[in-house]
């Protein structure tokens, strides 16, 4: 079973890499400033790294979701599932993925902390900034209460 999940996850990551994410044609990007030119905005990071599984609408319906052995979560109702409060610290830790919580079982999602650190030439601050940008973006797309 674990091998099947790992294969599905690797297959999902391969499809995501080939597709280059799922950029939404109507998505707007924040204007580049000196700082943001070095650090992609949360929306851009989301579409490049997350939308292939979670979907352009973040509702768990990305093109790779159908081949996953697990249900890809809807990211727009995280606050509602947490009593109306967006669980920023938990979302940040899960995106990062380098500290595994055994109580959550096997991890299917890629460990983005390592990916983002490598993208920043090994700079831990680059990884932290990218994760924070993603968390801010996901917080901003929560369904209204």
N, C-alpha and C. Protein backbone atom coordinates (compact mmCIF):
# COMPACT_ATOMS: atom_id res chain seq x y z
N UNK A 1 0.82 -1.19 0.00
CA UNK A 1 0.00 0.00 0.00
C UNK A 1 0.86 1.25 0.00
N UNK A 2 1.89 1.30 0.87
CA UNK A 2 2.76 2.48 0.93
C UNK A 2 3.47 2.67 -0.39
N UNK A 3 3.86 1.56 -1.03
CA UNK A 3 4.55 1.65 -2.32
C UNK A 3 3.61 2.24 -3.38
N UNK A 4 2.33 1.86 -3.35
CA UNK A 4 1.35 2.39 -4.30
C UNK A 4 1.18 3.88 -4.09
N UNK A 5 1.08 4.33 -2.84
CA UNK A 5 0.94 5.75 -2.56
C UNK A 5 2.17 6.51 -3.00
N UNK A 6 3.34 5.94 -2.73
CA UNK A 6 4.58 6.60 -3.12
C UNK A 6 4.65 6.69 -4.63
N UNK A 7 4.27 5.64 -5.33
CA UNK A 7 4.28 5.66 -6.80
C UNK A 7 3.29 6.69 -7.32
N UNK A 8 2.11 6.76 -6.71
CA UNK A 8 1.13 7.76 -7.14
C UNK A 8 1.64 9.16 -6.90
N UNK A 9 2.28 9.37 -5.75
CA UNK A 9 2.82 10.69 -5.43
C UNK A 9 3.92 11.06 -6.42
N UNK A 10 4.82 10.11 -6.70
CA UNK A 10 5.89 10.38 -7.65
C UNK A 10 5.32 10.64 -9.03
N UNK A 11 4.30 9.88 -9.40
CA UNK A 11 3.65 10.10 -10.69
C UNK A 11 3.00 11.47 -10.73
N UNK A 12 2.38 11.87 -9.63
CA UNK A 12 1.75 13.18 -9.56
C UNK A 12 2.78 14.29 -9.69
N UNK A 13 3.91 14.10 -9.03
CA UNK A 13 4.97 15.13 -9.11
C UNK A 13 5.53 15.19 -10.52
N UNK A 14 5.64 14.04 -11.20
CA UNK A 14 6.14 14.03 -12.57
C UNK A 14 5.17 14.76 -13.49
N UNK A 15 3.88 14.46 -13.35
CA UNK A 15 2.89 15.15 -14.16
C UNK A 15 2.94 16.64 -13.89
N UNK A 16 3.06 17.03 -12.62
CA UNK A 16 3.13 18.45 -12.27
C UNK A 16 4.35 19.10 -12.89
N UNK A 17 5.48 18.40 -12.88
CA UNK A 17 6.70 18.95 -13.46
C UNK A 17 6.56 19.11 -14.97
N UNK A 18 5.95 18.11 -15.61
CA UNK A 18 5.77 18.18 -17.06
C UNK A 18 4.80 19.30 -17.43
N UNK A 19 3.71 19.41 -16.67
CA UNK A 19 2.73 20.45 -16.95
C UNK A 19 3.21 21.82 -16.51
N UNK A 20 4.20 21.86 -15.65
CA UNK A 20 4.68 23.15 -15.14
C UNK A 20 3.68 23.79 -14.21
N UNK A 21 2.94 22.98 -13.50
CA UNK A 21 1.90 23.52 -12.63
C UNK A 21 0.65 23.73 -13.45
N UNK A 22 -0.33 24.35 -12.87
CA UNK A 22 -1.58 24.62 -13.58
C UNK A 22 -1.88 26.09 -13.49
N UNK A 23 -1.19 26.86 -14.24
CA UNK A 23 -1.43 28.29 -14.22
C UNK A 23 -2.82 28.58 -14.73
N UNK A 24 -3.55 29.30 -13.94
CA UNK A 24 -4.89 29.69 -14.32
C UNK A 24 -4.81 30.82 -15.32
N UNK A 25 -5.48 30.70 -16.47
CA UNK A 25 -5.37 31.73 -17.48
C UNK A 25 -5.82 33.09 -16.99
N UNK A 26 -6.77 33.13 -16.07
CA UNK A 26 -7.26 34.41 -15.57
C UNK A 26 -6.51 34.92 -14.36
N UNK A 27 -5.52 34.17 -13.91
CA UNK A 27 -4.80 34.55 -12.70
C UNK A 27 -3.95 35.78 -12.95
N UNK A 28 -4.01 36.69 -12.02
CA UNK A 28 -3.17 37.87 -12.12
C UNK A 28 -1.99 37.69 -11.20
N UNK A 29 -0.92 38.31 -11.54
CA UNK A 29 0.28 38.22 -10.72
C UNK A 29 0.57 39.60 -10.15
N UNK A 30 1.15 39.58 -8.96
CA UNK A 30 1.51 40.84 -8.34
C UNK A 30 2.64 41.48 -9.12
N UNK A 31 2.66 42.81 -9.22
CA UNK A 31 3.75 43.46 -9.93
C UNK A 31 5.07 43.19 -9.23
N UNK A 32 6.12 43.03 -10.01
CA UNK A 32 7.44 42.73 -9.45
C UNK A 32 8.05 43.98 -8.83
N UNK A 33 8.59 43.79 -7.65
CA UNK A 33 9.39 44.83 -7.00
C UNK A 33 10.77 44.22 -6.82
N UNK A 34 11.70 44.97 -6.31
CA UNK A 34 13.06 44.44 -6.12
C UNK A 34 13.02 43.19 -5.25
N UNK A 35 12.23 43.20 -4.17
CA UNK A 35 12.18 42.04 -3.28
C UNK A 35 11.37 40.91 -3.90
N UNK A 36 10.22 41.23 -4.51
CA UNK A 36 9.38 40.17 -5.04
C UNK A 36 9.95 39.56 -6.31
N UNK A 37 10.86 40.25 -6.97
CA UNK A 37 11.49 39.67 -8.15
C UNK A 37 12.32 38.45 -7.75
N UNK A 38 12.85 38.47 -6.54
CA UNK A 38 13.63 37.34 -6.05
C UNK A 38 12.75 36.28 -5.40
N UNK A 39 11.64 36.67 -4.84
CA UNK A 39 10.74 35.75 -4.16
C UNK A 39 9.38 35.74 -4.87
N UNK A 40 9.00 34.62 -5.47
CA UNK A 40 7.71 34.56 -6.13
C UNK A 40 6.56 34.81 -5.15
N UNK A 41 5.50 35.42 -5.64
CA UNK A 41 4.32 35.68 -4.82
C UNK A 41 3.62 34.36 -4.50
N UNK A 42 2.84 34.36 -3.43
CA UNK A 42 2.14 33.15 -3.01
C UNK A 42 1.26 32.56 -4.09
N UNK A 43 0.56 33.41 -4.83
CA UNK A 43 -0.31 32.93 -5.89
C UNK A 43 0.50 32.21 -6.97
N UNK A 44 1.61 32.78 -7.35
CA UNK A 44 2.47 32.16 -8.36
C UNK A 44 3.01 30.82 -7.84
N UNK A 45 3.47 30.80 -6.60
CA UNK A 45 3.95 29.56 -6.01
C UNK A 45 2.85 28.50 -5.98
N UNK A 46 1.65 28.92 -5.62
CA UNK A 46 0.52 27.99 -5.57
C UNK A 46 0.29 27.37 -6.94
N UNK A 47 0.17 28.20 -7.97
CA UNK A 47 -0.12 27.67 -9.30
C UNK A 47 1.03 26.83 -9.84
N UNK A 48 2.25 27.15 -9.48
CA UNK A 48 3.40 26.39 -9.96
C UNK A 48 3.60 25.07 -9.22
N UNK A 49 3.25 25.02 -7.94
CA UNK A 49 3.59 23.85 -7.13
C UNK A 49 2.41 23.09 -6.54
N UNK A 50 1.27 23.71 -6.43
CA UNK A 50 0.16 23.10 -5.70
C UNK A 50 -1.06 22.78 -6.55
N UNK A 51 -1.31 23.58 -7.58
CA UNK A 51 -2.55 23.47 -8.34
C UNK A 51 -2.69 22.16 -9.10
N UNK A 52 -1.59 21.50 -9.42
CA UNK A 52 -1.72 20.24 -10.16
C UNK A 52 -2.49 19.20 -9.34
N UNK A 53 -2.36 19.23 -8.03
CA UNK A 53 -3.12 18.33 -7.17
C UNK A 53 -4.36 19.01 -6.58
N UNK A 54 -4.17 20.18 -5.99
CA UNK A 54 -5.27 20.85 -5.28
C UNK A 54 -6.22 21.59 -6.20
N UNK A 55 -5.83 21.82 -7.45
CA UNK A 55 -6.71 22.47 -8.43
C UNK A 55 -6.51 23.97 -8.47
N UNK A 56 -6.84 24.55 -9.61
CA UNK A 56 -6.73 25.99 -9.79
C UNK A 56 -7.61 26.73 -8.80
N UNK A 57 -8.73 26.09 -8.41
CA UNK A 57 -9.65 26.70 -7.45
C UNK A 57 -9.32 26.31 -6.02
N UNK A 58 -8.30 25.46 -5.82
CA UNK A 58 -7.86 24.98 -4.50
C UNK A 58 -8.90 24.11 -3.80
N UNK A 59 -9.77 23.50 -4.59
CA UNK A 59 -10.83 22.67 -4.01
C UNK A 59 -10.53 21.17 -4.07
N UNK A 60 -9.27 20.82 -4.36
CA UNK A 60 -8.88 19.42 -4.37
C UNK A 60 -9.18 18.70 -5.67
N UNK A 61 -9.38 19.48 -6.74
CA UNK A 61 -9.79 18.88 -8.01
C UNK A 61 -8.79 19.12 -9.14
N UNK A 62 -7.51 19.13 -8.82
CA UNK A 62 -6.49 19.33 -9.84
C UNK A 62 -6.42 18.14 -10.78
N UNK A 63 -5.75 18.30 -11.91
CA UNK A 63 -5.68 17.23 -12.90
C UNK A 63 -4.98 15.97 -12.39
N UNK A 64 -4.15 16.06 -11.39
CA UNK A 64 -3.45 14.90 -10.85
C UNK A 64 -4.27 14.21 -9.75
N UNK A 65 -5.25 14.90 -9.19
CA UNK A 65 -6.03 14.38 -8.07
C UNK A 65 -6.68 13.04 -8.39
N UNK A 66 -7.11 12.85 -9.62
CA UNK A 66 -7.81 11.61 -9.97
C UNK A 66 -6.92 10.37 -9.92
N UNK A 67 -5.61 10.54 -9.98
CA UNK A 67 -4.72 9.37 -9.91
C UNK A 67 -4.14 9.16 -8.52
N UNK A 68 -4.48 10.02 -7.59
CA UNK A 68 -3.97 9.91 -6.23
C UNK A 68 -4.72 8.81 -5.49
N UNK A 69 -4.02 8.13 -4.57
CA UNK A 69 -4.61 7.08 -3.75
C UNK A 69 -5.31 7.66 -2.52
N UNK A 70 -5.14 8.96 -2.31
CA UNK A 70 -5.78 9.65 -1.18
C UNK A 70 -6.63 10.78 -1.74
N UNK A 71 -7.58 11.24 -0.95
CA UNK A 71 -8.39 12.38 -1.35
C UNK A 71 -7.57 13.64 -1.14
N UNK A 72 -7.44 14.42 -2.18
CA UNK A 72 -6.70 15.68 -2.09
C UNK A 72 -7.61 16.70 -1.41
N UNK A 73 -7.15 17.31 -0.32
CA UNK A 73 -8.03 18.20 0.43
C UNK A 73 -8.37 19.51 -0.27
N UNK A 74 -9.55 19.98 0.03
CA UNK A 74 -9.99 21.31 -0.38
C UNK A 74 -9.30 22.30 0.56
N UNK A 75 -8.50 23.19 0.01
CA UNK A 75 -7.75 24.14 0.83
C UNK A 75 -8.55 25.39 1.16
N UNK A 76 -9.72 25.55 0.57
CA UNK A 76 -10.51 26.76 0.80
C UNK A 76 -11.39 26.67 2.03
N UNK A 77 -11.49 25.51 2.64
CA UNK A 77 -12.33 25.38 3.83
C UNK A 77 -11.53 25.03 5.08
N UNK A 78 -10.24 25.32 5.07
CA UNK A 78 -9.41 25.01 6.24
C UNK A 78 -9.85 25.81 7.47
N UNK A 79 -10.17 27.07 7.28
CA UNK A 79 -10.63 27.88 8.42
C UNK A 79 -11.95 27.36 8.96
N UNK A 80 -12.87 27.04 8.07
CA UNK A 80 -14.18 26.53 8.49
C UNK A 80 -14.02 25.23 9.26
N UNK A 81 -13.10 24.37 8.83
CA UNK A 81 -12.87 23.10 9.52
C UNK A 81 -12.13 23.29 10.84
N UNK A 82 -11.64 24.50 11.08
CA UNK A 82 -10.89 24.80 12.31
C UNK A 82 -11.63 25.85 13.15
N UNK A 83 -12.94 25.75 13.17
CA UNK A 83 -13.74 26.64 14.00
C UNK A 83 -13.72 28.10 13.55
N UNK A 84 -13.49 28.35 12.28
CA UNK A 84 -13.51 29.71 11.76
C UNK A 84 -12.17 30.43 11.80
N UNK A 85 -11.16 29.76 12.30
CA UNK A 85 -9.83 30.39 12.40
C UNK A 85 -8.85 29.64 11.49
N UNK A 86 -8.18 30.37 10.61
CA UNK A 86 -7.24 29.74 9.69
C UNK A 86 -6.04 29.22 10.47
N UNK A 87 -5.70 27.93 10.33
CA UNK A 87 -4.60 27.32 11.10
C UNK A 87 -3.24 27.56 10.43
N UNK A 88 -2.80 28.80 10.44
CA UNK A 88 -1.58 29.19 9.71
C UNK A 88 -0.35 28.38 10.11
N UNK A 89 -0.14 28.18 11.39
CA UNK A 89 1.06 27.44 11.83
C UNK A 89 1.02 25.99 11.35
N UNK A 90 -0.14 25.36 11.43
CA UNK A 90 -0.27 23.97 10.99
C UNK A 90 -0.10 23.87 9.47
N UNK A 91 -0.66 24.81 8.73
CA UNK A 91 -0.53 24.81 7.27
C UNK A 91 0.93 25.02 6.89
N UNK A 92 1.59 25.94 7.56
CA UNK A 92 3.01 26.20 7.30
C UNK A 92 3.85 24.95 7.55
N UNK A 93 3.61 24.29 8.66
CA UNK A 93 4.38 23.09 9.00
C UNK A 93 4.11 21.97 8.00
N UNK A 94 2.88 21.85 7.55
CA UNK A 94 2.55 20.79 6.60
C UNK A 94 3.17 21.05 5.23
N UNK A 95 3.11 22.30 4.78
CA UNK A 95 3.75 22.65 3.50
C UNK A 95 5.24 22.37 3.60
N UNK A 96 5.86 22.84 4.67
CA UNK A 96 7.30 22.64 4.85
C UNK A 96 7.63 21.15 4.81
N UNK A 97 7.00 20.38 5.66
CA UNK A 97 7.12 18.93 5.61
C UNK A 97 8.39 18.31 6.14
N UNK A 98 9.32 19.13 6.59
CA UNK A 98 10.60 18.55 7.05
C UNK A 98 10.51 18.02 8.46
N UNK A 99 9.48 18.38 9.20
CA UNK A 99 9.25 17.83 10.54
C UNK A 99 7.97 17.02 10.47
N UNK A 100 8.12 15.72 10.40
CA UNK A 100 6.98 14.82 10.24
C UNK A 100 6.31 14.56 11.57
N UNK A 101 5.00 14.71 11.61
CA UNK A 101 4.21 14.40 12.79
C UNK A 101 3.69 12.98 12.62
N UNK A 102 4.19 12.05 13.40
CA UNK A 102 3.83 10.64 13.27
C UNK A 102 2.32 10.41 13.41
N UNK A 103 1.64 11.25 14.16
CA UNK A 103 0.21 11.08 14.37
C UNK A 103 -0.58 11.30 13.08
N UNK A 104 0.02 12.00 12.10
CA UNK A 104 -0.68 12.27 10.85
C UNK A 104 -0.52 11.16 9.82
N UNK A 105 0.22 10.12 10.15
CA UNK A 105 0.40 8.99 9.24
C UNK A 105 1.40 9.29 8.14
N UNK A 106 1.33 8.49 7.08
CA UNK A 106 2.27 8.62 5.97
C UNK A 106 2.02 9.91 5.19
N UNK A 107 3.10 10.56 4.81
CA UNK A 107 3.00 11.81 4.05
C UNK A 107 2.97 11.49 2.57
N UNK A 108 1.99 12.02 1.87
CA UNK A 108 1.87 11.83 0.44
C UNK A 108 2.34 13.09 -0.30
N UNK A 109 2.13 14.23 0.31
CA UNK A 109 2.50 15.51 -0.31
C UNK A 109 4.01 15.68 -0.32
N UNK A 110 4.56 16.30 -1.37
CA UNK A 110 6.01 16.55 -1.40
C UNK A 110 6.47 17.40 -0.21
N UNK A 111 7.71 17.27 0.14
CA UNK A 111 8.32 18.07 1.21
C UNK A 111 8.80 19.37 0.56
N UNK A 112 7.95 20.38 0.59
CA UNK A 112 8.25 21.63 -0.11
C UNK A 112 9.35 22.43 0.56
N UNK A 113 9.58 22.24 1.85
CA UNK A 113 10.67 22.97 2.51
C UNK A 113 12.00 22.69 1.86
N UNK A 114 12.26 21.43 1.54
CA UNK A 114 13.50 21.07 0.86
C UNK A 114 13.54 21.65 -0.56
N UNK A 115 12.43 21.58 -1.26
CA UNK A 115 12.35 22.11 -2.63
C UNK A 115 12.61 23.61 -2.63
N UNK A 116 11.96 24.33 -1.73
CA UNK A 116 12.11 25.78 -1.69
C UNK A 116 13.50 26.20 -1.21
N UNK A 117 14.10 25.43 -0.30
CA UNK A 117 15.46 25.74 0.12
C UNK A 117 16.42 25.56 -1.06
N UNK A 118 16.25 24.50 -1.82
CA UNK A 118 17.10 24.26 -2.99
C UNK A 118 16.90 25.35 -4.04
N UNK A 119 15.65 25.79 -4.22
CA UNK A 119 15.37 26.86 -5.19
C UNK A 119 16.03 28.16 -4.78
N UNK A 120 16.28 28.33 -3.49
CA UNK A 120 16.95 29.53 -2.98
C UNK A 120 18.43 29.29 -2.77
N UNK A 121 19.01 28.37 -3.54
CA UNK A 121 20.44 28.05 -3.46
C UNK A 121 20.86 27.64 -2.05
N UNK A 122 20.00 26.87 -1.39
CA UNK A 122 20.33 26.37 -0.06
C UNK A 122 20.03 27.35 1.07
N UNK A 123 19.43 28.46 0.74
CA UNK A 123 19.13 29.50 1.73
C UNK A 123 17.84 29.16 2.47
N UNK A 124 17.96 28.93 3.78
CA UNK A 124 16.80 28.58 4.60
C UNK A 124 15.77 29.72 4.63
N UNK A 125 16.25 30.96 4.63
CA UNK A 125 15.33 32.11 4.64
C UNK A 125 14.47 32.13 3.38
N UNK A 126 15.04 31.72 2.25
CA UNK A 126 14.27 31.66 1.00
C UNK A 126 13.13 30.66 1.13
N UNK A 127 13.41 29.52 1.74
CA UNK A 127 12.37 28.51 1.96
C UNK A 127 11.29 29.06 2.87
N UNK A 128 11.69 29.69 3.95
CA UNK A 128 10.74 30.26 4.92
C UNK A 128 9.85 31.31 4.26
N UNK A 129 10.43 32.16 3.44
CA UNK A 129 9.66 33.21 2.76
C UNK A 129 8.66 32.61 1.77
N UNK A 130 9.07 31.61 1.04
CA UNK A 130 8.17 30.98 0.07
C UNK A 130 7.00 30.28 0.79
N UNK A 131 7.32 29.60 1.87
CA UNK A 131 6.25 28.93 2.63
C UNK A 131 5.29 29.97 3.20
N UNK A 132 5.81 31.04 3.75
CA UNK A 132 4.95 32.11 4.29
C UNK A 132 4.08 32.72 3.21
N UNK A 133 4.62 32.91 2.02
CA UNK A 133 3.84 33.47 0.91
C UNK A 133 2.70 32.52 0.53
N UNK A 134 2.97 31.22 0.51
CA UNK A 134 1.93 30.24 0.22
C UNK A 134 0.85 30.24 1.30
N UNK A 135 1.26 30.27 2.55
CA UNK A 135 0.31 30.28 3.66
C UNK A 135 -0.57 31.53 3.56
N UNK A 136 0.02 32.68 3.28
CA UNK A 136 -0.77 33.91 3.13
C UNK A 136 -1.77 33.80 1.99
N UNK A 137 -1.33 33.22 0.87
CA UNK A 137 -2.23 33.06 -0.27
C UNK A 137 -3.39 32.15 0.09
N UNK A 138 -3.10 31.02 0.71
CA UNK A 138 -4.16 30.06 1.07
C UNK A 138 -5.09 30.68 2.10
N UNK A 139 -4.56 31.44 3.04
CA UNK A 139 -5.41 32.13 4.02
C UNK A 139 -6.36 33.10 3.31
N UNK A 140 -5.89 33.72 2.26
CA UNK A 140 -6.68 34.72 1.55
C UNK A 140 -7.76 34.15 0.65
N UNK A 141 -7.77 32.84 0.41
CA UNK A 141 -8.78 32.25 -0.46
C UNK A 141 -9.78 31.40 0.31
N UNK A 142 -9.81 31.55 1.62
CA UNK A 142 -10.76 30.78 2.42
C UNK A 142 -12.20 31.21 2.10
N UNK A 143 -13.11 30.24 2.14
CA UNK A 143 -14.51 30.55 1.95
C UNK A 143 -14.96 31.47 3.07
N UNK A 144 -15.82 32.44 2.74
CA UNK A 144 -16.35 33.31 3.81
C UNK A 144 -17.25 32.50 4.75
N UNK A 145 -17.28 32.92 5.97
CA UNK A 145 -18.11 32.22 6.98
C UNK A 145 -19.54 32.57 6.80
